[in-house]
Amino acid sequence: MRTIATRELGTGEDQMADVRAWAQDQLGGLDADSRADAVLVLDELVSNALRHGLTPGRVRLTRDAGHLRVEVTDASDVPARPRPPDRTGGRGLVLVAACSRQWGQWRHDTGKTVWAEVPVSAGVA
């Protein structure tokens, strides 16, 4: 598995536009549909980390044959879990599951990492 890019996360949901732009730039070699799915998954995982996790946070993108792995780390040891949707949210991990071939998480000494593997194709958008 080859690391494409790593980015530290600050605090506050106002940085989401920067994270999306960064991801679009990093994933320029993917076809448009794969890139859109990968950015959506990244957006949801980062949003969850910023809303429910603890700083510091980090994003890592890795590429393997046929998929992109999106990893978002935060300092909280509270597991990410789908919840019933309401007007404030609850749809993020459902979207992640729909756009990825698998997702999961692991705990470590400094928090947790939530990851998803998005099927991708190379190509010009």
Protein backbone atom coordinates (compact mmCIF):
# COMPACT_ATOMS: atom_id res chain seq x y z
CA MET A 1 0.00 0.00 0.00
CA ARG A 2 1.41 3.38 -1.00
CA THR A 3 0.77 6.56 1.00
CA ILE A 4 -0.43 9.37 -1.23
CA ALA A 5 -0.72 12.14 1.34
CA THR A 6 -1.09 12.95 5.02
CA ARG A 7 -2.61 16.07 6.54
CA GLU A 8 -2.98 17.24 10.12
CA LEU A 9 -6.42 18.44 11.16
CA GLY A 10 -7.01 21.58 13.16
CA THR A 11 -10.19 22.32 15.04
CA GLY A 12 -13.56 23.53 13.85
CA GLU A 13 -15.83 22.53 11.04
CA ASP A 14 -14.87 25.68 9.11
CA GLN A 15 -11.80 23.87 7.79
CA MET A 16 -13.91 21.38 5.80
CA ALA A 17 -13.62 23.40 2.58
CA ASP A 18 -9.81 23.32 2.88
CA VAL A 19 -9.81 19.56 3.48
CA ARG A 20 -12.07 18.99 0.45
CA ALA A 21 -9.87 21.16 -1.78
CA TRP A 22 -6.76 19.37 -0.51
CA ALA A 23 -8.32 15.98 -1.27
CA GLN A 24 -9.42 17.03 -4.77
CA ASP A 25 -5.84 18.10 -5.44
CA GLN A 26 -4.34 14.86 -4.06
CA LEU A 27 -6.76 12.65 -6.00
CA GLY A 28 -6.47 14.30 -9.39
CA GLY A 29 -5.38 11.05 -11.06
CA LEU A 30 -8.68 9.29 -10.36
CA ASP A 31 -11.70 9.23 -12.62
CA ALA A 32 -14.43 11.72 -11.69
CA ASP A 33 -16.79 9.18 -10.07
CA SER A 34 -14.06 7.58 -7.95
CA ARG A 35 -12.80 10.99 -6.87
CA ALA A 36 -16.33 12.13 -5.92
CA ASP A 37 -16.90 9.00 -3.81
CA ALA A 38 -13.50 9.32 -2.14
CA VAL A 39 -14.03 12.99 -1.29
CA LEU A 40 -17.52 12.24 0.08
CA VAL A 41 -16.12 9.49 2.33
CA LEU A 42 -13.28 11.74 3.46
CA ASP A 43 -15.72 14.58 4.13
CA GLU A 44 -17.95 12.39 6.30
CA LEU A 45 -15.09 10.85 8.29
CA VAL A 46 -13.40 14.21 8.89
CA SER A 47 -16.72 15.82 9.83
CA ASN A 48 -17.32 13.06 12.39
CA ALA A 49 -13.82 13.48 13.82
CA LEU A 50 -14.29 17.23 14.16
CA ARG A 51 -17.77 16.96 15.69
CA HIS A 52 -17.33 13.94 17.96
CA GLY A 53 -13.60 13.33 18.30
CA LEU A 54 -10.80 15.10 20.10
CA THR A 55 -7.79 16.93 18.71
CA PRO A 56 -5.24 16.34 17.42
CA GLY A 57 -6.47 14.74 14.23
CA ARG A 58 -4.87 13.47 11.05
CA VAL A 59 -5.95 12.29 7.59
CA ARG A 60 -4.00 9.75 5.58
CA LEU A 61 -4.73 8.62 2.04
CA THR A 62 -3.20 5.39 0.76
CA ARG A 63 -3.61 3.65 -2.57
CA ASP A 64 -3.56 -0.03 -3.41
CA ALA A 65 -4.66 -1.95 -6.48
CA GLY A 66 -8.30 -1.04 -7.07
CA HIS A 67 -8.96 1.01 -3.94
CA LEU A 68 -8.13 4.13 -2.00
CA ARG A 69 -7.97 3.89 1.75
CA VAL A 70 -9.07 6.97 3.69
CA GLU A 71 -7.95 7.04 7.33
CA VAL A 72 -9.00 9.69 9.83
CA THR A 73 -7.40 9.63 13.27
CA ASP A 74 -8.51 11.57 16.33
CA ALA A 75 -7.65 11.49 20.03
CA SER A 76 -10.99 10.11 21.26
CA ASP A 77 -11.32 6.45 22.18
CA VAL A 78 -15.11 6.55 21.75
CA PRO A 79 -15.97 4.27 18.80
CA ALA A 80 -17.61 5.66 15.70
CA ARG A 81 -21.10 4.14 15.41
CA PRO A 82 -23.99 4.69 13.07
CA ARG A 83 -26.94 6.32 14.82
CA PRO A 84 -30.55 6.86 13.84
CA PRO A 85 -30.74 9.89 11.55
CA ASP A 86 -32.39 13.07 12.73
CA ARG A 87 -32.32 16.71 11.68
CA THR A 88 -28.81 17.17 13.14
CA GLY A 89 -27.14 14.21 11.43
CA GLY A 90 -26.76 10.47 11.66
CA ARG A 91 -26.33 9.77 7.95
CA GLY A 92 -22.55 10.00 7.64
CA LEU A 93 -21.52 6.43 8.33
CA VAL A 94 -24.42 5.16 6.20
CA LEU A 95 -22.99 7.20 3.30
CA VAL A 96 -19.49 5.92 4.07
CA ALA A 97 -20.75 2.32 3.95
CA ALA A 98 -22.60 2.97 0.67
CA CYS A 99 -19.53 4.44 -1.05
CA SER A 100 -16.90 2.02 0.27
CA ARG A 101 -16.28 -1.64 -0.12
CA GLN A 102 -15.59 -1.80 3.62
CA TRP A 103 -14.96 0.45 6.58
CA GLY A 104 -13.90 -0.02 10.17
CA GLN A 105 -11.83 1.39 12.98
CA TRP A 106 -9.16 0.52 15.43
CA ARG A 107 -8.21 1.93 18.80
CA HIS A 108 -4.67 2.80 19.76
CA ASP A 109 -2.91 4.44 22.69
CA THR A 110 -3.70 7.95 21.49
CA GLY A 111 -7.31 7.50 20.29
CA LYS A 112 -8.80 5.81 17.25
CA THR A 113 -8.52 5.65 13.48
CA VAL A 114 -11.64 5.25 11.35
CA TRP A 115 -10.93 4.01 7.83
CA ALA A 116 -12.78 3.22 4.64
CA GLU A 117 -11.68 1.57 1.39
CA VAL A 118 -13.21 3.22 -1.68
CA PRO A 119 -13.08 1.37 -5.02
CA VAL A 120 -11.23 3.53 -7.55
CA SER A 121 -10.28 3.61 -11.21
CA ALA A 122 -7.47 5.61 -12.70
CA GLY A 123 -8.38 7.94 -15.50
CA VAL A 124 -8.83 11.44 -16.67
CA ALA A 125 -12.00 13.15 -15.53
